C-alpha atoms as a PDB file:
ATOM      1  CA  MET A   1     -16.017   2.710 -15.178  1.00  0.00           C
ATOM      2  CA  THR A   2     -17.846   0.465 -13.271  1.00  0.00           C
ATOM      3  CA  VAL A   3     -16.880  -0.419  -9.814  1.00  0.00           C
ATOM      4  CA  GLU A   4     -17.627  -4.005  -8.879  1.00  0.00           C
ATOM      5  CA  LEU A   5     -17.410  -5.848  -4.969  1.00  0.00           C
ATOM      6  CA  LEU A   6     -15.054  -8.595  -5.600  1.00  0.00           C
ATOM      7  CA  PHE A   7     -14.509  -9.373  -1.795  1.00  0.00           C
ATOM      8  CA  ASP A   8     -17.124  -8.744   0.879  1.00  0.00           C
ATOM      9  CA  THR A   9     -14.482  -8.957   3.716  1.00  0.00           C
ATOM     10  CA  LYS A  10     -15.692  -6.259   5.697  1.00  0.00           C
ATOM     11  CA  CYS A  11     -12.356  -5.471   6.597  1.00  0.00           C
ATOM     12  CA  LYS A  12     -11.530  -3.225   9.573  1.00  0.00           C
ATOM     13  CA  LEU A  13      -8.507  -1.616   7.963  1.00  0.00           C
ATOM     14  CA  GLY A  14      -8.209  -3.218   4.635  1.00  0.00           C
ATOM     15  CA  GLU A  15      -4.774  -2.080   3.257  1.00  0.00           C
ATOM     16  CA  GLY A  16      -1.513  -2.868   1.191  1.00  0.00           C
ATOM     17  CA  PRO A  17      -2.741  -4.817  -1.740  1.00  0.00           C
ATOM     18  CA  ILE A  18      -0.508  -6.483  -4.248  1.00  0.00           C
ATOM     19  CA  TRP A  19      -0.387  -8.278  -7.369  1.00  0.00           C
ATOM     20  CA  ASP A  20       2.111 -10.778  -7.911  1.00  0.00           C
ATOM     21  CA  HIS A  21       1.909 -11.104 -11.724  1.00  0.00           C
ATOM     22  CA  THR A  22       4.155 -13.691 -11.808  1.00  0.00           C
ATOM     23  CA  ARG A  23       2.375 -16.752  -9.705  1.00  0.00           C
ATOM     24  CA  ASN A  24      -1.356 -14.940 -10.044  1.00  0.00           C
ATOM     25  CA  LEU A  25      -1.723 -14.106  -6.444  1.00  0.00           C
ATOM     26  CA  PHE A  26      -3.180 -10.986  -4.799  1.00  0.00           C
ATOM     27  CA  TYR A  27      -2.653 -10.107  -1.663  1.00  0.00           C
ATOM     28  CA  TRP A  28      -4.182  -7.537   1.086  1.00  0.00           C
ATOM     29  CA  VAL A  29      -4.204  -7.024   4.949  1.00  0.00           C
ATOM     30  CA  ASP A  30      -6.369  -6.093   7.362  1.00  0.00           C
ATOM     31  CA  ILE A  31      -4.452  -4.222   9.587  1.00  0.00           C
ATOM     32  CA  LEU A  32      -6.611  -3.544  12.901  1.00  0.00           C
ATOM     33  CA  ASP A  33      -7.817  -7.267  12.521  1.00  0.00           C
ATOM     34  CA  GLN A  34      -4.416  -8.628  11.964  1.00  0.00           C
ATOM     35  CA  LYS A  35      -4.853 -10.609   9.030  1.00  0.00           C
ATOM     36  CA  LEU A  36      -3.551 -11.086   6.074  1.00  0.00           C
ATOM     37  CA  TYR A  37      -5.670 -12.457   2.388  1.00  0.00           C
ATOM     38  CA  ARG A  38      -4.254 -14.523  -0.247  1.00  0.00           C
ATOM     39  CA  TYR A  39      -6.389 -14.717  -3.283  1.00  0.00           C
ATOM     40  CA  GLY A  40      -5.228 -17.651  -6.174  1.00  0.00           C
ATOM     41  CA  ALA A  41      -6.670 -16.547  -9.720  1.00  0.00           C
ATOM     42  CA  ARG A  42      -5.970 -19.783 -10.828  1.00  0.00           C
ATOM     43  CA  ASP A  43      -8.131 -21.453  -8.244  1.00  0.00           C
ATOM     44  CA  ASN A  44     -10.636 -18.644  -7.367  1.00  0.00           C
ATOM     45  CA  LYS A  45      -9.942 -19.236  -3.852  1.00  0.00           C
ATOM     46  CA  VAL A  46      -9.602 -16.833  -1.003  1.00  0.00           C
ATOM     47  CA  GLU A  47      -6.927 -17.680   2.048  1.00  0.00           C
ATOM     48  CA  VAL A  48      -6.897 -15.891   5.115  1.00  0.00           C
ATOM     49  CA  VAL A  49      -3.681 -16.045   8.013  1.00  0.00           C
ATOM     50  CA  ALA A  50      -4.537 -14.422  11.570  1.00  0.00           C
ATOM     51  CA  PHE A  51      -1.836 -13.278  13.421  1.00  0.00           C
ATOM     52  CA  ASP A  52      -1.294 -12.099  16.772  1.00  0.00           C
ATOM     53  CA  ARG A  53      -0.477  -8.590  16.210  1.00  0.00           C
ATOM     54  CA  ALA A  54      -0.690  -5.844  13.734  1.00  0.00           C
ATOM     55  CA  ILE A  55       0.005  -6.266   9.957  1.00  0.00           C
ATOM     56  CA  GLY A  56       1.135  -2.959   8.100  1.00  0.00           C
ATOM     57  CA  CYS A  57       1.672  -4.774   4.691  1.00  0.00           C
ATOM     58  CA  VAL A  58       2.827  -7.599   2.461  1.00  0.00           C
ATOM     59  CA  VAL A  59       5.177  -8.152  -0.620  1.00  0.00           C
ATOM     60  CA  PRO A  60       5.953 -11.542  -2.251  1.00  0.00           C
ATOM     61  CA  ARG A  61       9.433 -13.244  -2.048  1.00  0.00           C
ATOM     62  CA  GLU A  62      11.185 -14.319  -4.929  1.00  0.00           C
ATOM     63  CA  SER A  63      12.457 -17.425  -3.594  1.00  0.00           C
ATOM     64  CA  GLY A  64       8.859 -18.163  -2.230  1.00  0.00           C
ATOM     65  CA  GLY A  65       6.553 -17.134   0.766  1.00  0.00           C
ATOM     66  CA  VAL A  66       5.982 -13.548   1.570  1.00  0.00           C
ATOM     67  CA  VAL A  67       7.903 -10.593   3.806  1.00  0.00           C
ATOM     68  CA  VAL A  68       5.663  -8.762   6.190  1.00  0.00           C
ATOM     69  CA  ALA A  69       5.685  -5.745   8.104  1.00  0.00           C
ATOM     70  CA  LEU A  70       3.995  -6.450  11.495  1.00  0.00           C
ATOM     71  CA  GLN A  71       3.966  -4.337  14.823  1.00  0.00           C
ATOM     72  CA  ASP A  72       7.278  -5.699  15.597  1.00  0.00           C
ATOM     73  CA  GLY A  73       9.303  -5.465  12.251  1.00  0.00           C
ATOM     74  CA  PHE A  74      10.187  -7.289   9.352  1.00  0.00           C
ATOM     75  CA  HIS A  75       9.730 -11.507   9.299  1.00  0.00           C
ATOM     76  CA  PHE A  76       9.407 -13.688   6.515  1.00  0.00           C
ATOM     77  CA  TYR A  77       6.196 -15.879   6.478  1.00  0.00           C
ATOM     78  CA  ASP A  78       6.093 -19.412   4.869  1.00  0.00           C
ATOM     79  CA  TRP A  79       2.468 -19.473   3.829  1.00  0.00           C
ATOM     80  CA  GLU A  80       2.426 -23.235   3.164  1.00  0.00           C
ATOM     81  CA  LEU A  81       4.105 -24.177   6.393  1.00  0.00           C
ATOM     82  CA  GLY A  82       2.605 -21.583   8.560  1.00  0.00           C
ATOM     83  CA  ARG A  83       5.863 -20.193   9.847  1.00  0.00           C
ATOM     84  CA  LEU A  84       6.871 -16.570  10.851  1.00  0.00           C
ATOM     85  CA  GLU A  85      10.861 -15.940  11.223  1.00  0.00           C
ATOM     86  CA  PRO A  86      11.718 -12.745  12.232  1.00  0.00           C
ATOM     87  CA  ILE A  87      14.239 -10.390  10.529  1.00  0.00           C
ATOM     88  CA  THR A  88      14.871  -7.172  12.154  1.00  0.00           C
ATOM     89  CA  ASP A  89      12.870  -4.558  14.408  1.00  0.00           C
ATOM     90  CA  PRO A  90      14.081  -0.907  13.698  1.00  0.00           C
ATOM     91  CA  GLU A  91      11.700   0.567  16.111  1.00  0.00           C
ATOM     92  CA  SER A  92      11.797  -2.024  18.604  1.00  0.00           C
ATOM     93  CA  HIS A  93      12.285   1.188  21.475  1.00  0.00           C
ATOM     94  CA  LEU A  94       9.045   2.726  20.234  1.00  0.00           C
ATOM     95  CA  GLN A  95       6.270   0.841  21.459  1.00  0.00           C
ATOM     96  CA  ASP A  96       3.757   2.950  20.139  1.00  0.00           C
ATOM     97  CA  ASN A  97       4.622   2.613  16.663  1.00  0.00           C
ATOM     98  CA  ARG A  98       3.461   0.028  14.303  1.00  0.00           C
ATOM     99  CA  PHE A  99       4.545  -0.539  10.354  1.00  0.00           C
ATOM    100  CA  ASN A 100       1.695   0.933   7.753  1.00  0.00           C
ATOM    101  CA  ASP A 101       2.306   1.071   4.040  1.00  0.00           C
ATOM    102  CA  GLY A 102       5.059  -0.139   1.695  1.00  0.00           C
ATOM    103  CA  LYS A 103       6.104  -2.642  -0.826  1.00  0.00           C
ATOM    104  CA  CYS A 104       9.503  -3.646  -3.234  1.00  0.00           C
ATOM    105  CA  ASP A 105      11.117  -1.126  -5.274  1.00  0.00           C
ATOM    106  CA  PRO A 106      12.665  -1.975  -8.972  1.00  0.00           C
ATOM    107  CA  ALA A 107      15.803  -3.533  -7.153  1.00  0.00           C
ATOM    108  CA  GLY A 108      13.850  -5.707  -4.971  1.00  0.00           C
ATOM    109  CA  ARG A 109      14.386  -4.339  -1.913  1.00  0.00           C
ATOM    110  CA  PHE A 110      11.686  -3.872   0.765  1.00  0.00           C
ATOM    111  CA  TRP A 111      10.629   0.080   1.536  1.00  0.00           C
ATOM    112  CA  ALA A 112       7.588   0.168   4.499  1.00  0.00           C
ATOM    113  CA  GLY A 113       6.874   2.926   6.480  1.00  0.00           C
ATOM    114  CA  THR A 114       5.747   3.184  10.378  1.00  0.00           C
ATOM    115  CA  THR A 115       3.175   5.274  12.260  1.00  0.00           C
ATOM    116  CA  ASP A 116       2.283   5.543  15.618  1.00  0.00           C
ATOM    117  CA  SER A 117      -1.269   5.834  17.313  1.00  0.00           C
ATOM    118  CA  VAL A 118      -1.923   9.385  16.549  1.00  0.00           C
ATOM    119  CA  GLY A 119      -0.223   9.718  13.231  1.00  0.00           C
ATOM    120  CA  VAL A 120       0.311  12.907  13.074  1.00  0.00           C
ATOM    121  CA  ASP A 121       3.353  14.069  15.364  1.00  0.00           C
ATOM    122  CA  GLY A 122       6.015  12.980  13.433  1.00  0.00           C
ATOM    123  CA  HIS A 123       7.117   9.890  15.150  1.00  0.00           C
ATOM    124  CA  GLY A 124       7.408   7.775  11.953  1.00  0.00           C
ATOM    125  CA  ALA A 125       9.548   6.951   9.381  1.00  0.00           C
ATOM    126  CA  LEU A 126      10.282   5.396   6.171  1.00  0.00           C
ATOM    127  CA  TYR A 127      12.829   2.079   5.879  1.00  0.00           C
ATOM    128  CA  MET A 128      14.238   0.170   3.340  1.00  0.00           C
ATOM    129  CA  LEU A 129      15.569  -3.495   3.616  1.00  0.00           C
ATOM    130  CA  ASP A 130      17.894  -4.246   1.290  1.00  0.00           C
ATOM    131  CA  THR A 131      18.383  -8.038   0.093  1.00  0.00           C
ATOM    132  CA  SER A 132      21.028  -8.555   2.495  1.00  0.00           C
ATOM    133  CA  LEU A 133      18.674  -7.841   5.176  1.00  0.00           C
ATOM    134  CA  LYS A 134      20.373  -4.647   6.175  1.00  0.00           C
ATOM    135  CA  VAL A 135      17.858  -2.136   7.275  1.00  0.00           C
ATOM    136  CA  SER A 136      18.127   1.790   6.808  1.00  0.00           C
ATOM    137  CA  LYS A 137      15.924   4.685   7.520  1.00  0.00           C
ATOM    138  CA  LYS A 138      15.253   6.558   4.400  1.00  0.00           C
ATOM    139  CA  ILE A 139      13.115   9.486   5.682  1.00  0.00           C
ATOM    140  CA  LYS A 140      12.426  10.672   9.263  1.00  0.00           C
ATOM    141  CA  ASN A 141       9.623  12.633  10.959  1.00  0.00           C
ATOM    142  CA  VAL A 142       6.866  10.928   9.248  1.00  0.00           C
ATOM    143  CA  GLY A 143       3.447  11.240  10.543  1.00  0.00           C
ATOM    144  CA  THR A 144       1.558   8.532   8.566  1.00  0.00           C
ATOM    145  CA  SER A 145       3.651   6.739   6.281  1.00  0.00           C
ATOM    146  CA  ASN A 146       1.659   5.720   2.920  1.00  0.00           C
ATOM    147  CA  GLY A 147       1.313   5.558  -0.650  1.00  0.00           C
ATOM    148  CA  LEU A 148       4.999   4.676  -2.176  1.00  0.00           C
ATOM    149  CA  VAL A 149       5.731   4.080  -5.850  1.00  0.00           C
ATOM    150  CA  TRP A 150       8.251   4.096  -8.443  1.00  0.00           C
ATOM    151  CA  SER A 151       8.443   5.677 -11.756  1.00  0.00           C
ATOM    152  CA  PRO A 152       8.285   3.154 -14.720  1.00  0.00           C
ATOM    153  CA  ASP A 153      11.611   4.450 -15.684  1.00  0.00           C
ATOM    154  CA  ALA A 154      13.188   4.102 -11.981  1.00  0.00           C
ATOM    155  CA  THR A 155      14.569   7.413 -11.849  1.00  0.00           C
ATOM    156  CA  ALA A 156      11.955   8.957  -9.227  1.00  0.00           C
ATOM    157  CA  MET A 157      10.454   7.587  -5.988  1.00  0.00           C
ATOM    158  CA  TYR A 158       7.031   9.182  -4.890  1.00  0.00           C
ATOM    159  CA  PHE A 159       6.170   9.286  -1.472  1.00  0.00           C
ATOM    160  CA  ILE A 160       2.735   9.675   0.510  1.00  0.00           C
ATOM    161  CA  ASP A 161       3.059  11.352   4.379  1.00  0.00           C
ATOM    162  CA  THR A 162      -0.934  11.336   4.803  1.00  0.00           C
ATOM    163  CA  PRO A 163      -1.113  14.731   7.546  1.00  0.00           C
ATOM    164  CA  THR A 164       0.833  16.715   4.796  1.00  0.00           C
ATOM    165  CA  ARG A 165      -1.788  16.173   2.284  1.00  0.00           C
ATOM    166  CA  GLN A 166       0.937  15.798  -0.385  1.00  0.00           C
ATOM    167  CA  VAL A 167       2.755  13.380  -2.673  1.00  0.00           C
ATOM    168  CA  VAL A 168       6.469  14.200  -2.674  1.00  0.00           C
ATOM    169  CA  ARG A 169       8.661  13.261  -5.557  1.00  0.00           C
ATOM    170  CA  TYR A 170      12.356  12.254  -4.962  1.00  0.00           C
ATOM    171  CA  THR A 171      15.156  11.726  -7.038  1.00  0.00           C
ATOM    172  CA  TYR A 172      15.770   7.833  -6.995  1.00  0.00           C
ATOM    173  CA  GLU A 173      19.041   5.900  -7.739  1.00  0.00           C
ATOM    174  CA  LEU A 174      18.013   2.144  -8.859  1.00  0.00           C
ATOM    175  CA  GLU A 175      21.779   0.803  -8.116  1.00  0.00           C
ATOM    176  CA  SER A 176      22.116   2.129  -4.440  1.00  0.00           C
ATOM    177  CA  GLY A 177      18.242   3.151  -3.470  1.00  0.00           C
ATOM    178  CA  MET A 178      19.966   6.433  -2.501  1.00  0.00           C
ATOM    179  CA  ILE A 179      16.601   9.287  -2.662  1.00  0.00           C
ATOM    180  CA  SER A 180      17.430  13.041  -2.811  1.00  0.00           C
ATOM    181  CA  ASP A 181      16.172  16.473  -4.011  1.00  0.00           C
ATOM    182  CA  PRO A 182      12.230  16.246  -2.601  1.00  0.00           C
ATOM    183  CA  GLU A 183       9.845  18.072  -4.180  1.00  0.00           C
ATOM    184  CA  VAL A 184       6.130  18.414  -4.151  1.00  0.00           C
ATOM    185  CA  GLY A 185       4.563  16.680  -6.984  1.00  0.00           C
ATOM    186  CA  VAL A 186       0.392  16.359  -5.696  1.00  0.00           C
ATOM    187  CA  GLU A 187      -1.201  19.052  -3.245  1.00  0.00           C
ATOM    188  CA  PHE A 188      -4.970  17.284  -1.902  1.00  0.00           C
ATOM    189  CA  PRO A 189      -7.323  20.067  -2.285  1.00  0.00           C
ATOM    190  CA  GLU A 190      -9.306  20.574   1.218  1.00  0.00           C
ATOM    191  CA  GLY A 191     -12.708  18.408   1.375  1.00  0.00           C
ATOM    192  CA  SER A 192     -11.274  15.808  -0.944  1.00  0.00           C
ATOM    193  CA  GLY A 193     -10.002  13.527   1.896  1.00  0.00           C
ATOM    194  CA  LEU A 194      -6.489  12.472   2.510  1.00  0.00           C
ATOM    195  CA  PRO A 195      -4.261  10.760   0.403  1.00  0.00           C
ATOM    196  CA  ASP A 196      -3.745   7.074   1.614  1.00  0.00           C
ATOM    197  CA  GLY A 197      -2.323   4.350  -0.304  1.00  0.00           C
ATOM    198  CA  MET A 198      -1.252   4.583  -4.142  1.00  0.00           C
ATOM    199  CA  THR A 199       0.189   3.002  -7.399  1.00  0.00           C
ATOM    200  CA  ILE A 200       1.265   3.928 -10.820  1.00  0.00           C
ATOM    201  CA  ASP A 201       0.370   3.048 -14.383  1.00  0.00           C
ATOM    202  CA  GLU A 202       2.605   2.635 -17.331  1.00  0.00           C
ATOM    203  CA  GLU A 203       2.216   6.198 -18.648  1.00  0.00           C
ATOM    204  CA  GLY A 204       3.388   7.593 -14.986  1.00  0.00           C
ATOM    205  CA  MET A 205       0.530   8.800 -13.705  1.00  0.00           C
ATOM    206  CA  LEU A 206      -0.598   8.073  -9.992  1.00  0.00           C
ATOM    207  CA  TRP A 207      -3.766   7.074  -8.750  1.00  0.00           C
ATOM    208  CA  ILE A 208      -4.309   7.724  -5.034  1.00  0.00           C
ATOM    209  CA  ALA A 209      -6.949   6.347  -2.708  1.00  0.00           C
ATOM    210  CA  HIS A 210      -8.806   9.068  -0.659  1.00  0.00           C
ATOM    211  CA  TRP A 211      -9.444   8.557   2.970  1.00  0.00           C
ATOM    212  CA  GLY A 212     -12.436  10.044   3.922  1.00  0.00           C
ATOM    213  CA  GLY A 213     -13.021  10.921   0.037  1.00  0.00           C
ATOM    214  CA  HIS A 214     -15.358   8.060  -1.577  1.00  0.00           C
ATOM    215  CA  GLY A 215     -12.707   7.291  -4.328  1.00  0.00           C
ATOM    216  CA  VAL A 216      -9.360   6.937  -6.009  1.00  0.00           C
ATOM    217  CA  SER A 217      -8.236   9.571  -8.230  1.00  0.00           C
ATOM    218  CA  ARG A 218      -5.991   9.705 -11.188  1.00  0.00           C
ATOM    219  CA  TRP A 219      -2.931  12.700 -10.926  1.00  0.00           C
ATOM    220  CA  ASP A 220      -0.341  13.688 -13.524  1.00  0.00           C
ATOM    221  CA  PRO A 221       2.785  14.388 -10.897  1.00  0.00           C
ATOM    222  CA  THR A 222       4.682  16.696 -13.100  1.00  0.00           C
ATOM    223  CA  SER A 223       1.942  19.183 -13.621  1.00  0.00           C
ATOM    224  CA  GLY A 224       0.183  18.299 -10.468  1.00  0.00           C
ATOM    225  CA  LYS A 225      -3.293  17.955 -12.368  1.00  0.00           C
ATOM    226  CA  GLN A 226      -5.973  15.695 -11.376  1.00  0.00           C
ATOM    227  CA  LEU A 227      -6.855  13.639 -14.370  1.00  0.00           C
ATOM    228  CA  ASP A 228      -9.776  11.270 -13.650  1.00  0.00           C
ATOM    229  CA  PHE A 229     -11.629  10.142 -10.135  1.00  0.00           C
ATOM    230  CA  ILE A 230     -13.489   6.861  -9.344  1.00  0.00           C
ATOM    231  CA  GLN A 231     -16.481   6.939  -6.949  1.00  0.00           C
ATOM    232  CA  VAL A 232     -16.027   3.676  -4.693  1.00  0.00           C
ATOM    233  CA  PRO A 233     -18.892   2.874  -2.257  1.00  0.00           C
ATOM    234  CA  ALA A 234     -16.996   3.557   0.961  1.00  0.00           C
ATOM    235  CA  VAL A 235     -15.896   6.297   3.043  1.00  0.00           C
ATOM    236  CA  ASN A 236     -12.482   5.342   3.639  1.00  0.00           C
ATOM    237  CA  VAL A 237     -10.819   4.422   0.819  1.00  0.00           C
ATOM    238  CA  THR A 238      -7.133   3.096   1.627  1.00  0.00           C
ATOM    239  CA  SER A 239      -5.197   1.743  -1.319  1.00  0.00           C
ATOM    240  CA  CYS A 240      -5.015   0.514  -4.751  1.00  0.00           C
ATOM    241  CA  THR A 241      -2.743  -1.649  -7.439  1.00  0.00           C
ATOM    242  CA  PHE A 242      -3.212  -2.961 -11.008  1.00  0.00           C
ATOM    243  CA  GLY A 243      -3.435  -6.210 -11.447  1.00  0.00           C
ATOM    244  CA  GLY A 244      -5.299  -9.288 -13.839  1.00  0.00           C
ATOM    245  CA  ALA A 245      -3.990 -11.070 -16.902  1.00  0.00           C
ATOM    246  CA  GLU A 246      -3.663  -7.809 -18.898  1.00  0.00           C
ATOM    247  CA  MET A 247      -2.423  -5.444 -15.696  1.00  0.00           C
ATOM    248  CA  ASN A 248      -5.255  -3.153 -16.447  1.00  0.00           C
ATOM    249  CA  GLU A 249      -7.437  -4.218 -13.556  1.00  0.00           C
ATOM    250  CA  LEU A 250      -7.253  -1.595 -10.884  1.00  0.00           C
ATOM    251  CA  TYR A 251      -8.066  -3.387  -7.406  1.00  0.00           C
ATOM    252  CA  ILE A 252      -8.957  -1.045  -4.445  1.00  0.00           C
ATOM    253  CA  THR A 253      -8.889  -1.604  -0.629  1.00  0.00           C
ATOM    254  CA  THR A 254     -11.484  -0.065   1.929  1.00  0.00           C
ATOM    255  CA  ALA A 255     -12.074   0.003   5.679  1.00  0.00           C
ATOM    256  CA  ARG A 256     -15.038   0.157   7.989  1.00  0.00           C
ATOM    257  CA  THR A 257     -13.249   2.028  10.832  1.00  0.00           C
ATOM    258  CA  ARG A 258     -13.957   5.420  11.932  1.00  0.00           C
ATOM    259  CA  THR A 259     -17.014   5.216   9.507  1.00  0.00           C
ATOM    260  CA  SER A 260     -20.512   5.998  11.378  1.00  0.00           C
ATOM    261  CA  GLU A 261     -23.584   3.485  11.699  1.00  0.00           C
ATOM    262  CA  ALA A 262     -25.247   5.325   8.950  1.00  0.00           C
ATOM    263  CA  GLU A 263     -22.599   5.854   6.715  1.00  0.00           C
ATOM    264  CA  LEU A 264     -22.276   1.772   6.931  1.00  0.00           C
ATOM    265  CA  GLU A 265     -26.340   1.804   6.152  1.00  0.00           C
ATOM    266  CA  GLN A 266     -25.070   3.878   2.896  1.00  0.00           C
ATOM    267  CA  TYR A 267     -22.127   1.638   2.551  1.00  0.00           C
ATOM    268  CA  PRO A 268     -22.652  -1.706   3.666  1.00  0.00           C
ATOM    269  CA  HIS A 269     -19.979  -3.337   1.727  1.00  0.00           C
ATOM    270  CA  ALA A 270     -17.250  -0.690   3.320  1.00  0.00           C
ATOM    271  CA  GLY A 271     -13.801  -2.924   3.873  1.00  0.00           C
ATOM    272  CA  GLY A 272     -14.344  -5.119   0.939  1.00  0.00           C
ATOM    273  CA  VAL A 273     -12.337  -4.968  -2.009  1.00  0.00           C
ATOM    274  CA  PHE A 274     -13.652  -3.698  -5.044  1.00  0.00           C
ATOM    275  CA  ARG A 275     -12.077  -3.977  -8.801  1.00  0.00           C
ATOM    276  CA  VAL A 276     -12.226  -1.666 -11.660  1.00  0.00           C
ATOM    277  CA  GLN A 277     -11.391  -2.358 -15.342  1.00  0.00           C
ATOM    278  CA  THR A 278      -9.404   0.852 -16.418  1.00  0.00           C
ATOM    279  CA  GLY A 279      -8.097   2.351 -19.838  1.00  0.00           C
ATOM    280  CA  VAL A 280      -4.657   2.156 -19.249  1.00  0.00           C
ATOM    281  CA  LYS A 281      -2.260  -0.449 -17.828  1.00  0.00           C
ATOM    282  CA  GLY A 282      -0.503  -0.569 -14.495  1.00  0.00           C
ATOM    283  CA  SER A 283       3.053  -0.976 -13.672  1.00  0.00           C
ATOM    284  CA  TYR A 284       3.931  -4.523 -11.898  1.00  0.00           C
ATOM    285  CA  ASN A 285       4.563  -4.908  -8.264  1.00  0.00           C
ATOM    286  CA  GLU A 286       7.867  -6.049  -7.644  1.00  0.00           C
ATOM    287  CA  ARG A 287       9.095  -8.983  -5.421  1.00  0.00           C
ATOM    288  CA  PHE A 288      11.531  -9.070  -2.624  1.00  0.00           C
ATOM    289  CA  GLY A 289      14.845 -10.114  -3.717  1.00  0.00           C
ATOM    290  CA  GLY A 290      16.543 -11.239  -0.260  1.00  0.00           C
END
């Protein structure tokens, strides 16, 4: 599989790629540079919005615009009007915390997690914002909340708390959003970097970005075996999502932060968005229903 550079944005911490298949829009964020990017496949145009605080992730909204998880909680954002509308901040009492990765579940509820400045001490959590705008804490004592996906049959949720080096599988109830019975599905081996963001394909296989590991791997969460690895020209690979007209293109975000000068000389396009054609189709990203 040939990896191509799609956008040479040189993000400090590119993250949170989301493809809105109904509107042919691709979103991603630069957490540290506080920017939200939007690419329109129809007009081949990239637009950028700069905020005055860190942005962890973004999801498209069913009724238009997007929902963003910022340093200070969940907000609606109207792209055309440039208007930010606060919803709720479940961690207003934790000044060192910020939102990190997140996406919508099959019922259109927005799940997003947090981390503190260290990211290993269990000060974060995973939250669910339902379509009535009520927020609930789903997982506590999280180091760095990261990759999050649901199985194609909507019976399982997979979650990454990066410092644990694990992907945990939960039994998931579509109607209620309840999760239960956690069990380890994937263990990242030493020397491969740390598991960061992830996506899932139509066969139920996980695609996981390697922070400090130069690529994206494909895993069978039932057997716990690694099936494939895609080398990416960046040290810190942060997340990935499927997109394109046939949903068989993998969009990969990367970061420049925590990369040495020597490494940046070797990987000058670190922080960019890369794309690779895969032999399998991915699952669609859901939109927020509230």
